[in-house]
PDB file of N, CA and C in Angstrom:
ATOM      1  N   GLN A   1     -14.993  67.533  15.304  1.00  0.00           N
ATOM      2  CA  GLN A   1     -14.852  66.109  15.543  1.00  0.00           C
ATOM      3  C   GLN A   1     -14.875  65.844  17.043  1.00  0.00           C
ATOM      4  N   VAL A   2     -14.991  64.569  17.393  1.00  0.00           N
ATOM      5  CA  VAL A   2     -15.060  64.185  18.798  1.00  0.00           C
ATOM      6  C   VAL A   2     -13.696  64.355  19.441  1.00  0.00           C
ATOM      7  N   GLN A   3     -13.695  64.973  20.603  1.00  0.00           N
ATOM      8  CA  GLN A   3     -12.464  65.106  21.397  1.00  0.00           C
ATOM      9  C   GLN A   3     -12.746  64.712  22.823  1.00  0.00           C
ATOM     10  N   LEU A   4     -11.833  63.946  23.396  1.00  0.00           N
ATOM     11  CA  LEU A   4     -11.899  63.585  24.802  1.00  0.00           C
ATOM     12  C   LEU A   4     -10.686  64.191  25.489  1.00  0.00           C
ATOM     13  N   VAL A   5     -10.922  64.868  26.591  1.00  0.00           N
ATOM     14  CA  VAL A   5      -9.829  65.503  27.319  1.00  0.00           C
ATOM     15  C   VAL A   5      -9.885  65.068  28.772  1.00  0.00           C
ATOM     16  N   GLU A   6      -8.822  64.391  29.202  1.00  0.00           N
ATOM     17  CA  GLU A   6      -8.708  63.970  30.597  1.00  0.00           C
ATOM     18  C   GLU A   6      -7.920  65.003  31.384  1.00  0.00           C
ATOM     19  N   SER A   7      -8.202  65.080  32.663  1.00  0.00           N
ATOM     20  CA  SER A   7      -7.452  65.970  33.552  1.00  0.00           C
ATOM     21  C   SER A   7      -7.488  65.401  34.957  1.00  0.00           C
ATOM     22  N   GLY A   8      -6.605  65.924  35.800  1.00  0.00           N
ATOM     23  CA  GLY A   8      -6.618  65.547  37.199  1.00  0.00           C
ATOM     24  C   GLY A   8      -5.496  64.632  37.634  1.00  0.00           C
ATOM     25  N   GLY A   9      -4.694  64.167  36.703  1.00  0.00           N
ATOM     26  CA  GLY A   9      -3.589  63.308  37.097  1.00  0.00           C
ATOM     27  C   GLY A   9      -2.504  64.081  37.822  1.00  0.00           C
ATOM     28  N   GLY A  10      -1.520  63.354  38.331  1.00  0.00           N
ATOM     29  CA  GLY A  10      -0.428  64.010  39.028  1.00  0.00           C
ATOM     30  C   GLY A  10       0.351  63.037  39.864  1.00  0.00           C
ATOM     31  N   LEU A  11       1.165  63.586  40.749  1.00  0.00           N
ATOM     32  CA  LEU A  11       2.009  62.807  41.649  1.00  0.00           C
ATOM     33  C   LEU A  11       1.416  62.861  43.048  1.00  0.00           C
ATOM     34  N   VAL A  12       1.279  61.705  43.653  1.00  0.00           N
ATOM     35  CA  VAL A  12       0.703  61.632  44.991  1.00  0.00           C
ATOM     36  C   VAL A  12       1.411  60.534  45.771  1.00  0.00           C
ATOM     37  N   GLN A  13       1.438  60.671  47.067  1.00  0.00           N
ATOM     38  CA  GLN A  13       2.016  59.634  47.898  1.00  0.00           C
ATOM     39  C   GLN A  13       1.033  58.489  48.085  1.00  0.00           C
ATOM     40  N   ALA A  14       1.553  57.335  48.375  1.00  0.00           N
ATOM     41  CA  ALA A  14       0.694  56.180  48.653  1.00  0.00           C
ATOM     42  C   ALA A  14      -0.262  56.522  49.788  1.00  0.00           C
ATOM     43  N   GLY A  15      -1.516  56.113  49.584  1.00  0.00           N
ATOM     44  CA  GLY A  15      -2.552  56.443  50.545  1.00  0.00           C
ATOM     45  C   GLY A  15      -3.317  57.706  50.209  1.00  0.00           C
ATOM     46  N   GLY A  16      -2.812  58.451  49.260  1.00  0.00           N
ATOM     47  CA  GLY A  16      -3.459  59.696  48.866  1.00  0.00           C
ATOM     48  C   GLY A  16      -4.586  59.491  47.874  1.00  0.00           C
ATOM     49  N   SER A  17      -5.146  60.609  47.405  1.00  0.00           N
ATOM     50  CA  SER A  17      -6.294  60.566  46.501  1.00  0.00           C
ATOM     51  C   SER A  17      -6.073  61.489  45.312  1.00  0.00           C
ATOM     52  N   LEU A  18      -6.697  61.116  44.217  1.00  0.00           N
ATOM     53  CA  LEU A  18      -6.758  61.961  43.037  1.00  0.00           C
ATOM     54  C   LEU A  18      -8.138  61.825  42.425  1.00  0.00           C
ATOM     55  N   SER A  19      -8.571  62.868  41.749  1.00  0.00           N
ATOM     56  CA  SER A  19      -9.854  62.842  41.068  1.00  0.00           C
ATOM     57  C   SER A  19      -9.635  63.170  39.602  1.00  0.00           C
ATOM     58  N   LEU A  20      -9.958  62.233  38.743  1.00  0.00           N
ATOM     59  CA  LEU A  20      -9.799  62.412  37.301  1.00  0.00           C
ATOM     60  C   LEU A  20     -11.128  62.822  36.675  1.00  0.00           C
ATOM     61  N   SER A  21     -11.018  63.623  35.639  1.00  0.00           N
ATOM     62  CA  SER A  21     -12.190  64.022  34.868  1.00  0.00           C
ATOM     63  C   SER A  21     -11.929  63.787  33.398  1.00  0.00           C
ATOM     64  N   CYS A  22     -12.983  63.486  32.672  1.00  0.00           N
ATOM     65  CA  CYS A  22     -12.896  63.347  31.219  1.00  0.00           C
ATOM     66  C   CYS A  22     -14.108  64.049  30.625  1.00  0.00           C
ATOM     67  N   VAL A  23     -13.844  64.949  29.705  1.00  0.00           N
ATOM     68  CA  VAL A  23     -14.916  65.693  29.046  1.00  0.00           C
ATOM     69  C   VAL A  23     -14.854  65.423  27.552  1.00  0.00           C
ATOM     70  N   ALA A  24     -15.987  65.060  26.985  1.00  0.00           N
ATOM     71  CA  ALA A  24     -16.081  64.830  25.543  1.00  0.00           C
ATOM     72  C   ALA A  24     -16.770  66.023  24.890  1.00  0.00           C
ATOM     73  N   SER A  25     -16.264  66.419  23.750  1.00  0.00           N
ATOM     74  CA  SER A  25     -16.871  67.527  23.016  1.00  0.00           C
ATOM     75  C   SER A  25     -16.959  67.160  21.538  1.00  0.00           C
ATOM     76  N   GLY A  26     -17.701  67.989  20.792  1.00  0.00           N
ATOM     77  CA  GLY A  26     -17.798  67.774  19.356  1.00  0.00           C
ATOM     78  C   GLY A  26     -19.050  67.078  18.905  1.00  0.00           C
ATOM     79  N   VAL A  27     -19.962  66.762  19.851  1.00  0.00           N
ATOM     80  CA  VAL A  27     -21.218  66.114  19.499  1.00  0.00           C
ATOM     81  C   VAL A  27     -22.370  66.803  20.217  1.00  0.00           C
ATOM     82  N   LYS A  28     -23.580  66.583  19.697  1.00  0.00           N
ATOM     83  CA  LYS A  28     -24.762  67.210  20.300  1.00  0.00           C
ATOM     84  C   LYS A  28     -25.668  66.168  20.944  1.00  0.00           C
ATOM     85  N   PHE A  29     -25.144  64.983  21.185  1.00  0.00           N
ATOM     86  CA  PHE A  29     -25.910  63.935  21.849  1.00  0.00           C
ATOM     87  C   PHE A  29     -25.064  63.395  23.000  1.00  0.00           C
ATOM     88  N   LEU A  30     -25.674  62.565  23.810  1.00  0.00           N
ATOM     89  CA  LEU A  30     -24.967  61.950  24.918  1.00  0.00           C
ATOM     90  C   LEU A  30     -24.462  60.569  24.532  1.00  0.00           C
ATOM     91  N   PHE A  31     -23.201  60.300  24.786  1.00  0.00           N
ATOM     92  CA  PHE A  31     -22.672  58.959  24.585  1.00  0.00           C
ATOM     93  C   PHE A  31     -23.272  58.018  25.617  1.00  0.00           C
ATOM     94  N   ASP A  32     -23.593  56.798  25.186  1.00  0.00           N
ATOM     95  CA  ASP A  32     -24.128  55.816  26.136  1.00  0.00           C
ATOM     96  C   ASP A  32     -23.111  55.495  27.226  1.00  0.00           C
ATOM     97  N   SER A  33     -21.853  55.378  26.846  1.00  0.00           N
ATOM     98  CA  SER A  33     -20.843  55.024  27.836  1.00  0.00           C
ATOM     99  C   SER A  33     -19.575  55.826  27.611  1.00  0.00           C
ATOM    100  N   MET A  34     -18.932  56.150  28.697  1.00  0.00           N
ATOM    101  CA  MET A  34     -17.594  56.758  28.698  1.00  0.00           C
ATOM    102  C   MET A  34     -16.790  55.996  29.742  1.00  0.00           C
ATOM    103  N   ASN A  35     -15.716  55.383  29.311  1.00  0.00           N
ATOM    104  CA  ASN A  35     -15.016  54.425  30.159  1.00  0.00           C
ATOM    105  C   ASN A  35     -13.590  54.857  30.469  1.00  0.00           C
ATOM    106  N   TRP A  36     -13.106  54.375  31.589  1.00  0.00           N
ATOM    107  CA  TRP A  36     -11.730  54.630  32.007  1.00  0.00           C
ATOM    108  C   TRP A  36     -10.887  53.367  31.814  1.00  0.00           C
ATOM    109  N   TYR A  37      -9.710  53.580  31.224  1.00  0.00           N
ATOM    110  CA  TYR A  37      -8.708  52.533  31.063  1.00  0.00           C
ATOM    111  C   TYR A  37      -7.409  53.042  31.666  1.00  0.00           C
ATOM    112  N   ARG A  38      -6.495  52.122  31.888  1.00  0.00           N
ATOM    113  CA  ARG A  38      -5.159  52.525  32.279  1.00  0.00           C
ATOM    114  C   ARG A  38      -4.142  51.610  31.621  1.00  0.00           C
ATOM    115  N   GLN A  39      -2.939  52.139  31.489  1.00  0.00           N
ATOM    116  CA  GLN A  39      -1.897  51.390  30.800  1.00  0.00           C
ATOM    117  C   GLN A  39      -0.535  51.739  31.370  1.00  0.00           C
ATOM    118  N   ALA A  40       0.215  50.690  31.700  1.00  0.00           N
ATOM    119  CA  ALA A  40       1.596  50.856  32.131  1.00  0.00           C
ATOM    120  C   ALA A  40       2.509  50.566  30.948  1.00  0.00           C
ATOM    121  N   PRO A  41       3.712  51.087  30.953  1.00  0.00           N
ATOM    122  CA  PRO A  41       4.642  50.838  29.843  1.00  0.00           C
ATOM    123  C   PRO A  41       4.853  49.348  29.625  1.00  0.00           C
ATOM    124  N   GLY A  42       4.719  48.924  28.387  1.00  0.00           N
ATOM    125  CA  GLY A  42       4.943  47.528  28.051  1.00  0.00           C
ATOM    126  C   GLY A  42       3.783  46.601  28.368  1.00  0.00           C
ATOM    127  N   LYS A  43       2.706  47.151  28.863  1.00  0.00           N
ATOM    128  CA  LYS A  43       1.541  46.332  29.202  1.00  0.00           C
ATOM    129  C   LYS A  43       0.347  46.740  28.360  1.00  0.00           C
ATOM    130  N   GLU A  44      -0.627  45.835  28.313  1.00  0.00           N
ATOM    131  CA  GLU A  44      -1.849  46.152  27.582  1.00  0.00           C
ATOM    132  C   GLU A  44      -2.716  47.123  28.388  1.00  0.00           C
ATOM    133  N   ARG A  45      -3.498  47.872  27.651  1.00  0.00           N
ATOM    134  CA  ARG A  45      -4.432  48.785  28.294  1.00  0.00           C
ATOM    135  C   ARG A  45      -5.534  47.956  28.949  1.00  0.00           C
ATOM    136  N   GLU A  46      -5.899  48.298  30.186  1.00  0.00           N
ATOM    137  CA  GLU A  46      -6.915  47.516  30.895  1.00  0.00           C
ATOM    138  C   GLU A  46      -8.076  48.412  31.325  1.00  0.00           C
ATOM    139  N   LEU A  47      -9.253  47.814  31.301  1.00  0.00           N
ATOM    140  CA  LEU A  47     -10.467  48.542  31.667  1.00  0.00           C
ATOM    141  C   LEU A  47     -10.530  48.726  33.182  1.00  0.00           C
ATOM    142  N   VAL A  48     -10.727  49.949  33.597  1.00  0.00           N
ATOM    143  CA  VAL A  48     -10.832  50.258  35.027  1.00  0.00           C
ATOM    144  C   VAL A  48     -12.299  50.409  35.442  1.00  0.00           C
ATOM    145  N   ALA A  49     -13.057  51.192  34.650  1.00  0.00           N
ATOM    146  CA  ALA A  49     -14.429  51.502  35.060  1.00  0.00           C
ATOM    147  C   ALA A  49     -15.257  51.876  33.844  1.00  0.00           C
ATOM    148  N   THR A  50     -16.546  51.632  33.951  1.00  0.00           N
ATOM    149  CA  THR A  50     -17.480  52.044  32.911  1.00  0.00           C
ATOM    150  C   THR A  50     -18.404  53.111  33.457  1.00  0.00           C
ATOM    151  N   GLY A  51     -18.585  54.156  32.682  1.00  0.00           N
ATOM    152  CA  GLY A  51     -19.479  55.236  33.054  1.00  0.00           C
ATOM    153  C   GLY A  51     -20.613  55.311  32.061  1.00  0.00           C
ATOM    154  N   ARG A  52     -21.731  54.681  32.404  1.00  0.00           N
ATOM    155  CA  ARG A  52     -22.870  54.637  31.501  1.00  0.00           C
ATOM    156  C   ARG A  52     -23.970  55.579  31.983  1.00  0.00           C
ATOM    157  N   LEU A  53     -24.887  55.889  31.080  1.00  0.00           N
ATOM    158  CA  LEU A  53     -26.003  56.750  31.457  1.00  0.00           C
ATOM    159  C   LEU A  53     -26.956  56.031  32.403  1.00  0.00           C
ATOM    160  N   ASP A  54     -27.035  54.700  32.296  1.00  0.00           N
ATOM    161  CA  ASP A  54     -27.959  53.966  33.168  1.00  0.00           C
ATOM    162  C   ASP A  54     -27.278  53.518  34.453  1.00  0.00           C
ATOM    163  N   ILE A  55     -26.103  52.977  34.346  1.00  0.00           N
ATOM    164  CA  ILE A  55     -25.409  52.499  35.533  1.00  0.00           C
ATOM    165  C   ILE A  55     -23.909  52.530  35.269  1.00  0.00           C
ATOM    166  N   SER A  56     -23.144  52.836  36.291  1.00  0.00           N
ATOM    167  CA  SER A  56     -21.689  52.892  36.181  1.00  0.00           C
ATOM    168  C   SER A  56     -21.094  51.947  37.210  1.00  0.00           C
ATOM    169  N   GLY A  57     -19.856  51.519  36.940  1.00  0.00           N
ATOM    170  CA  GLY A  57     -19.250  50.631  37.899  1.00  0.00           C
ATOM    171  C   GLY A  57     -17.771  50.414  37.678  1.00  0.00           C
ATOM    172  N   ILE A  58     -17.119  49.985  38.723  1.00  0.00           N
ATOM    173  CA  ILE A  58     -15.700  49.642  38.671  1.00  0.00           C
ATOM    174  C   ILE A  58     -15.565  48.210  38.157  1.00  0.00           C
ATOM    175  N   LYS A  59     -14.675  48.012  37.205  1.00  0.00           N
ATOM    176  CA  LYS A  59     -14.518  46.690  36.594  1.00  0.00           C
ATOM    177  C   LYS A  59     -13.208  46.011  36.967  1.00  0.00           C
ATOM    178  N   LEU A  60     -12.240  46.737  37.424  1.00  0.00           N
ATOM    179  CA  LEU A  60     -10.935  46.185  37.749  1.00  0.00           C
ATOM    180  C   LEU A  60     -10.917  45.783  39.217  1.00  0.00           C
ATOM    181  N   ASP A  61     -10.700  44.489  39.463  1.00  0.00           N
ATOM    182  CA  ASP A  61     -10.802  43.985  40.832  1.00  0.00           C
ATOM    183  C   ASP A  61      -9.810  44.648  41.784  1.00  0.00           C
ATOM    184  N   SER A  62      -8.646  44.956  41.315  1.00  0.00           N
ATOM    185  CA  SER A  62      -7.593  45.473  42.205  1.00  0.00           C
ATOM    186  C   SER A  62      -7.892  46.874  42.732  1.00  0.00           C
ATOM    187  N   VAL A  63      -8.859  47.558  42.148  1.00  0.00           N
ATOM    188  CA  VAL A  63      -9.174  48.915  42.618  1.00  0.00           C
ATOM    189  C   VAL A  63     -10.558  49.010  43.247  1.00  0.00           C
ATOM    190  N   LYS A  64     -11.294  47.906  43.247  1.00  0.00           N
ATOM    191  CA  LYS A  64     -12.632  47.935  43.861  1.00  0.00           C
ATOM    192  C   LYS A  64     -12.516  48.260  45.343  1.00  0.00           C
ATOM    193  N   GLY A  65     -13.407  49.119  45.791  1.00  0.00           N
ATOM    194  CA  GLY A  65     -13.359  49.569  47.177  1.00  0.00           C
ATOM    195  C   GLY A  65     -12.502  50.810  47.380  1.00  0.00           C
ATOM    196  N   ARG A  66     -11.691  51.145  46.373  1.00  0.00           N
ATOM    197  CA  ARG A  66     -10.839  52.334  46.466  1.00  0.00           C
ATOM    198  C   ARG A  66     -11.206  53.379  45.417  1.00  0.00           C
ATOM    199  N   PHE A  67     -11.650  52.937  44.250  1.00  0.00           N
ATOM    200  CA  PHE A  67     -12.017  53.850  43.157  1.00  0.00           C
ATOM    201  C   PHE A  67     -13.533  53.908  43.020  1.00  0.00           C
ATOM    202  N   THR A  68     -14.006  55.067  42.609  1.00  0.00           N
ATOM    203  CA  THR A  68     -15.427  55.259  42.338  1.00  0.00           C
ATOM    204  C   THR A  68     -15.576  55.995  41.010  1.00  0.00           C
ATOM    205  N   VAL A  69     -16.497  55.521  40.175  1.00  0.00           N
ATOM    206  CA  VAL A  69     -16.761  56.188  38.897  1.00  0.00           C
ATOM    207  C   VAL A  69     -18.148  56.811  38.955  1.00  0.00           C
ATOM    208  N   SER A  70     -18.265  57.973  38.342  1.00  0.00           N
ATOM    209  CA  SER A  70     -19.576  58.624  38.279  1.00  0.00           C
ATOM    210  C   SER A  70     -19.746  59.281  36.919  1.00  0.00           C
ATOM    211  N   ARG A  71     -20.987  59.285  36.472  1.00  0.00           N
ATOM    212  CA  ARG A  71     -21.311  59.800  35.144  1.00  0.00           C
ATOM    213  C   ARG A  71     -22.606  60.583  35.252  1.00  0.00           C
ATOM    214  N   PRO A  72     -22.551  61.892  35.166  1.00  0.00           N
ATOM    215  CA  PRO A  72     -23.796  62.673  35.159  1.00  0.00           C
ATOM    216  C   PRO A  72     -24.653  62.287  33.960  1.00  0.00           C
ATOM    217  N   ARG A  73     -25.944  62.326  34.118  1.00  0.00           N
ATOM    218  CA  ARG A  73     -26.840  61.875  33.058  1.00  0.00           C
ATOM    219  C   ARG A  73     -27.133  62.959  32.036  1.00  0.00           C
ATOM    220  N   ASN A  74     -26.606  64.149  32.259  1.00  0.00           N
ATOM    221  CA  ASN A  74     -26.969  65.234  31.359  1.00  0.00           C
ATOM    222  C   ASN A  74     -25.779  65.821  30.605  1.00  0.00           C
ATOM    223  N   LYS A  75     -24.611  65.172  30.699  1.00  0.00           N
ATOM    224  CA  LYS A  75     -23.471  65.688  29.965  1.00  0.00           C
ATOM    225  C   LYS A  75     -22.456  64.591  29.680  1.00  0.00           C
ATOM    226  N   ASN A  76     -21.614  64.878  28.722  1.00  0.00           N
ATOM    227  CA  ASN A  76     -20.590  63.924  28.313  1.00  0.00           C
ATOM    228  C   ASN A  76     -19.331  64.109  29.157  1.00  0.00           C
ATOM    229  N   THR A  77     -19.466  63.767  30.423  1.00  0.00           N
ATOM    230  CA  THR A  77     -18.375  63.863  31.370  1.00  0.00           C
ATOM    231  C   THR A  77     -18.379  62.605  32.227  1.00  0.00           C
ATOM    232  N   VAL A  78     -17.206  62.135  32.564  1.00  0.00           N
ATOM    233  CA  VAL A  78     -17.099  61.002  33.470  1.00  0.00           C
ATOM    234  C   VAL A  78     -15.960  61.285  34.445  1.00  0.00           C
ATOM    235  N   TYR A  79     -16.180  60.872  35.689  1.00  0.00           N
ATOM    236  CA  TYR A  79     -15.207  61.134  36.743  1.00  0.00           C
ATOM    237  C   TYR A  79     -14.697  59.804  37.316  1.00  0.00           C
ATOM    238  N   LEU A  80     -13.473  59.844  37.797  1.00  0.00           N
ATOM    239  CA  LEU A  80     -12.908  58.694  38.494  1.00  0.00           C
ATOM    240  C   LEU A  80     -12.259  59.200  39.773  1.00  0.00           C
ATOM    241  N   GLN A  81     -12.887  58.879  40.886  1.00  0.00           N
ATOM    242  CA  GLN A  81     -12.332  59.241  42.184  1.00  0.00           C
ATOM    243  C   GLN A  81     -11.475  58.093  42.670  1.00  0.00           C
ATOM    244  N   MET A  82     -10.219  58.389  42.934  1.00  0.00           N
ATOM    245  CA  MET A  82      -9.263  57.352  43.323  1.00  0.00           C
ATOM    246  C   MET A  82      -8.755  57.645  44.728  1.00  0.00           C
ATOM    247  N   ASN A  83      -9.088  56.772  45.646  1.00  0.00           N
ATOM    248  CA  ASN A  83      -8.673  56.927  47.041  1.00  0.00           C
ATOM    249  C   ASN A  83      -7.711  55.825  47.439  1.00  0.00           C
ATOM    250  N   ASN A  84      -6.995  56.074  48.507  1.00  0.00           N
ATOM    251  CA  ASN A  84      -6.056  55.087  49.032  1.00  0.00           C
ATOM    252  C   ASN A  84      -5.167  54.529  47.910  1.00  0.00           C
ATOM    253  N   LEU A  85      -4.577  55.421  47.158  1.00  0.00           N
ATOM    254  CA  LEU A  85      -3.784  55.012  46.007  1.00  0.00           C
ATOM    255  C   LEU A  85      -2.546  54.231  46.423  1.00  0.00           C
ATOM    256  N   GLU A  86      -2.189  53.304  45.566  1.00  0.00           N
ATOM    257  CA  GLU A  86      -1.028  52.441  45.789  1.00  0.00           C
ATOM    258  C   GLU A  86      -0.024  52.648  44.656  1.00  0.00           C
ATOM    259  N   PRO A  87       1.249  52.364  44.899  1.00  0.00           N
ATOM    260  CA  PRO A  87       2.243  52.504  43.817  1.00  0.00           C
ATOM    261  C   PRO A  87       1.862  51.709  42.567  1.00  0.00           C
ATOM    262  N   GLU A  88       1.152  50.594  42.766  1.00  0.00           N
ATOM    263  CA  GLU A  88       0.736  49.770  41.622  1.00  0.00           C
ATOM    264  C   GLU A  88      -0.309  50.463  40.755  1.00  0.00           C
ATOM    265  N   ASP A  89      -0.874  51.549  41.229  1.00  0.00           N
ATOM    266  CA  ASP A  89      -1.843  52.309  40.433  1.00  0.00           C
ATOM    267  C   ASP A  89      -1.161  53.292  39.481  1.00  0.00           C
ATOM    268  N   THR A  90       0.142  53.365  39.538  1.00  0.00           N
ATOM    269  CA  THR A  90       0.884  54.248  38.647  1.00  0.00           C
ATOM    270  C   THR A  90       0.713  53.796  37.207  1.00  0.00           C
ATOM    271  N   ASP A  91       0.102  54.652  36.394  1.00  0.00           N
ATOM    272  CA  ASP A  91      -0.216  54.338  35.009  1.00  0.00           C
ATOM    273  C   ASP A  91      -0.597  55.630  34.297  1.00  0.00           C
ATOM    274  N   VAL A  92      -0.770  55.512  33.007  1.00  0.00           N
ATOM    275  CA  VAL A  92      -1.457  56.565  32.268  1.00  0.00           C
ATOM    276  C   VAL A  92      -2.926  56.161  32.183  1.00  0.00           C
ATOM    277  N   TYR A  93      -3.792  57.067  32.564  1.00  0.00           N
ATOM    278  CA  TYR A  93      -5.223  56.789  32.581  1.00  0.00           C
ATOM    279  C   TYR A  93      -5.866  57.457  31.370  1.00  0.00           C
ATOM    280  N   TYR A  94      -6.653  56.642  30.655  1.00  0.00           N
ATOM    281  CA  TYR A  94      -7.287  57.091  29.424  1.00  0.00           C
ATOM    282  C   TYR A  94      -8.798  57.008  29.525  1.00  0.00           C
ATOM    283  N   CYS A  95      -9.430  57.902  28.828  1.00  0.00           N
ATOM    284  CA  CYS A  95     -10.884  57.911  28.676  1.00  0.00           C
ATOM    285  C   CYS A  95     -11.214  57.431  27.264  1.00  0.00           C
ATOM    286  N   LYS A  96     -12.265  56.628  27.162  1.00  0.00           N
ATOM    287  CA  LYS A  96     -12.650  56.088  25.860  1.00  0.00           C
ATOM    288  C   LYS A  96     -14.165  56.139  25.707  1.00  0.00           C
ATOM    289  N   THR A  97     -14.599  56.410  24.484  1.00  0.00           N
ATOM    290  CA  THR A  97     -16.003  56.273  24.158  1.00  0.00           C
ATOM    291  C   THR A  97     -16.116  55.772  22.725  1.00  0.00           C
ATOM    292  N   GLN A  98     -17.319  55.424  22.328  1.00  0.00           N
ATOM    293  CA  GLN A  98     -17.502  54.954  20.961  1.00  0.00           C
ATOM    294  C   GLN A  98     -18.909  55.263  20.483  1.00  0.00           C
ATOM    295  N   PHE A  99     -19.024  55.355  19.157  1.00  0.00           N
ATOM    296  CA  PHE A  99     -20.307  55.655  18.539  1.00  0.00           C
ATOM    297  C   PHE A  99     -20.286  55.163  17.111  1.00  0.00           C
ATOM    298  N   ARG A 100     -21.267  54.375  16.765  1.00  0.00           N
ATOM    299  CA  ARG A 100     -21.386  53.845  15.399  1.00  0.00           C
ATOM    300  C   ARG A 100     -20.077  53.224  14.935  1.00  0.00           C
ATOM    301  N   GLU A 101     -19.578  52.313  15.683  1.00  0.00           N
ATOM    302  CA  GLU A 101     -18.380  51.526  15.363  1.00  0.00           C
ATOM    303  C   GLU A 101     -17.097  52.342  15.323  1.00  0.00           C
ATOM    304  N   ARG A 102     -17.131  53.565  15.737  1.00  0.00           N
ATOM    305  CA  ARG A 102     -15.913  54.364  15.840  1.00  0.00           C
ATOM    306  C   ARG A 102     -15.559  54.526  17.315  1.00  0.00           C
ATOM    307  N   THR A 103     -14.272  54.379  17.581  1.00  0.00           N
ATOM    308  CA  THR A 103     -13.782  54.480  18.944  1.00  0.00           C
ATOM    309  C   THR A 103     -12.943  55.738  19.098  1.00  0.00           C
ATOM    310  N   TYR A 104     -13.132  56.408  20.221  1.00  0.00           N
ATOM    311  CA  TYR A 104     -12.413  57.648  20.487  1.00  0.00           C
ATOM    312  C   TYR A 104     -11.678  57.536  21.817  1.00  0.00           C
ATOM    313  N   TRP A 105     -10.443  57.970  21.825  1.00  0.00           N
ATOM    314  CA  TRP A 105      -9.610  57.958  23.024  1.00  0.00           C
ATOM    315  C   TRP A 105      -9.140  59.369  23.335  1.00  0.00           C
ATOM    316  N   GLY A 106      -8.981  59.634  24.628  1.00  0.00           N
ATOM    317  CA  GLY A 106      -8.319  60.857  25.031  1.00  0.00           C
ATOM    318  C   GLY A 106      -6.817  60.685  24.970  1.00  0.00           C
ATOM    319  N   GLN A 107      -6.109  61.743  25.300  1.00  0.00           N
ATOM    320  CA  GLN A 107      -4.650  61.708  25.219  1.00  0.00           C
ATOM    321  C   GLN A 107      -4.026  61.068  26.457  1.00  0.00           C
ATOM    322  N   GLY A 108      -4.813  60.877  27.490  1.00  0.00           N
ATOM    323  CA  GLY A 108      -4.325  60.255  28.711  1.00  0.00           C
ATOM    324  C   GLY A 108      -3.808  61.263  29.720  1.00  0.00           C
ATOM    325  N   THR A 109      -3.866  60.852  30.973  1.00  0.00           N
ATOM    326  CA  THR A 109      -3.315  61.672  32.052  1.00  0.00           C
ATOM    327  C   THR A 109      -2.489  60.768  32.965  1.00  0.00           C
ATOM    328  N   GLN A 110      -1.301  61.219  33.294  1.00  0.00           N
ATOM    329  CA  GLN A 110      -0.371  60.399  34.067  1.00  0.00           C
ATOM    330  C   GLN A 110      -0.712  60.455  35.550  1.00  0.00           C
ATOM    331  N   VAL A 111      -0.787  59.296  36.146  1.00  0.00           N
ATOM    332  CA  VAL A 111      -0.948  59.172  37.596  1.00  0.00           C
ATOM    333  C   VAL A 111       0.287  58.452  38.129  1.00  0.00           C
ATOM    334  N   THR A 112       0.965  59.087  39.070  1.00  0.00           N
ATOM    335  CA  THR A 112       2.154  58.501  39.665  1.00  0.00           C
ATOM    336  C   THR A 112       1.985  58.475  41.173  1.00  0.00           C
ATOM    337  N   VAL A 113       2.118  57.288  41.736  1.00  0.00           N
ATOM    338  CA  VAL A 113       1.957  57.109  43.174  1.00  0.00           C
ATOM    339  C   VAL A 113       3.302  56.684  43.751  1.00  0.00           C
ATOM    340  N   SER A 114       3.828  57.488  44.634  1.00  0.00           N
ATOM    341  CA  SER A 114       5.127  57.192  45.244  1.00  0.00           C
ATOM    342  C   SER A 114       4.931  56.429  46.554  1.00  0.00           C
ATOM    343  N   SER A 115       5.878  55.562  46.840  1.00  0.00           N
ATOM    344  CA  SER A 115       5.774  54.745  48.064  1.00  0.00           C
ATOM    345  C   SER A 115       6.426  55.439  49.253  1.00  0.00           C
TER     346      SER A 115
END
């Protein structure tokens, strides 16, 4: 079955950087999109970035200019480079993809930014 595994989270000081990775397995084709979301306790999950085979981009205004998403065209992997991190970026970051009306989520990776 489809599995998404995120990695790269951790604890960093404000102004620091982290690089997240998400790898999808269990299929023999390429997903059109693999996206990054984040969620804080008690809040709704919000879209951070889309990683598509044709074009990728940051969707969350508060991280534009600091985060970069990249998606290789030959594998089911998506990266999120996070620079100049702020305490407000503290969240669990999730990877999501979908195929034929089914949605798949990873288990999430915790990002904690200390002030």
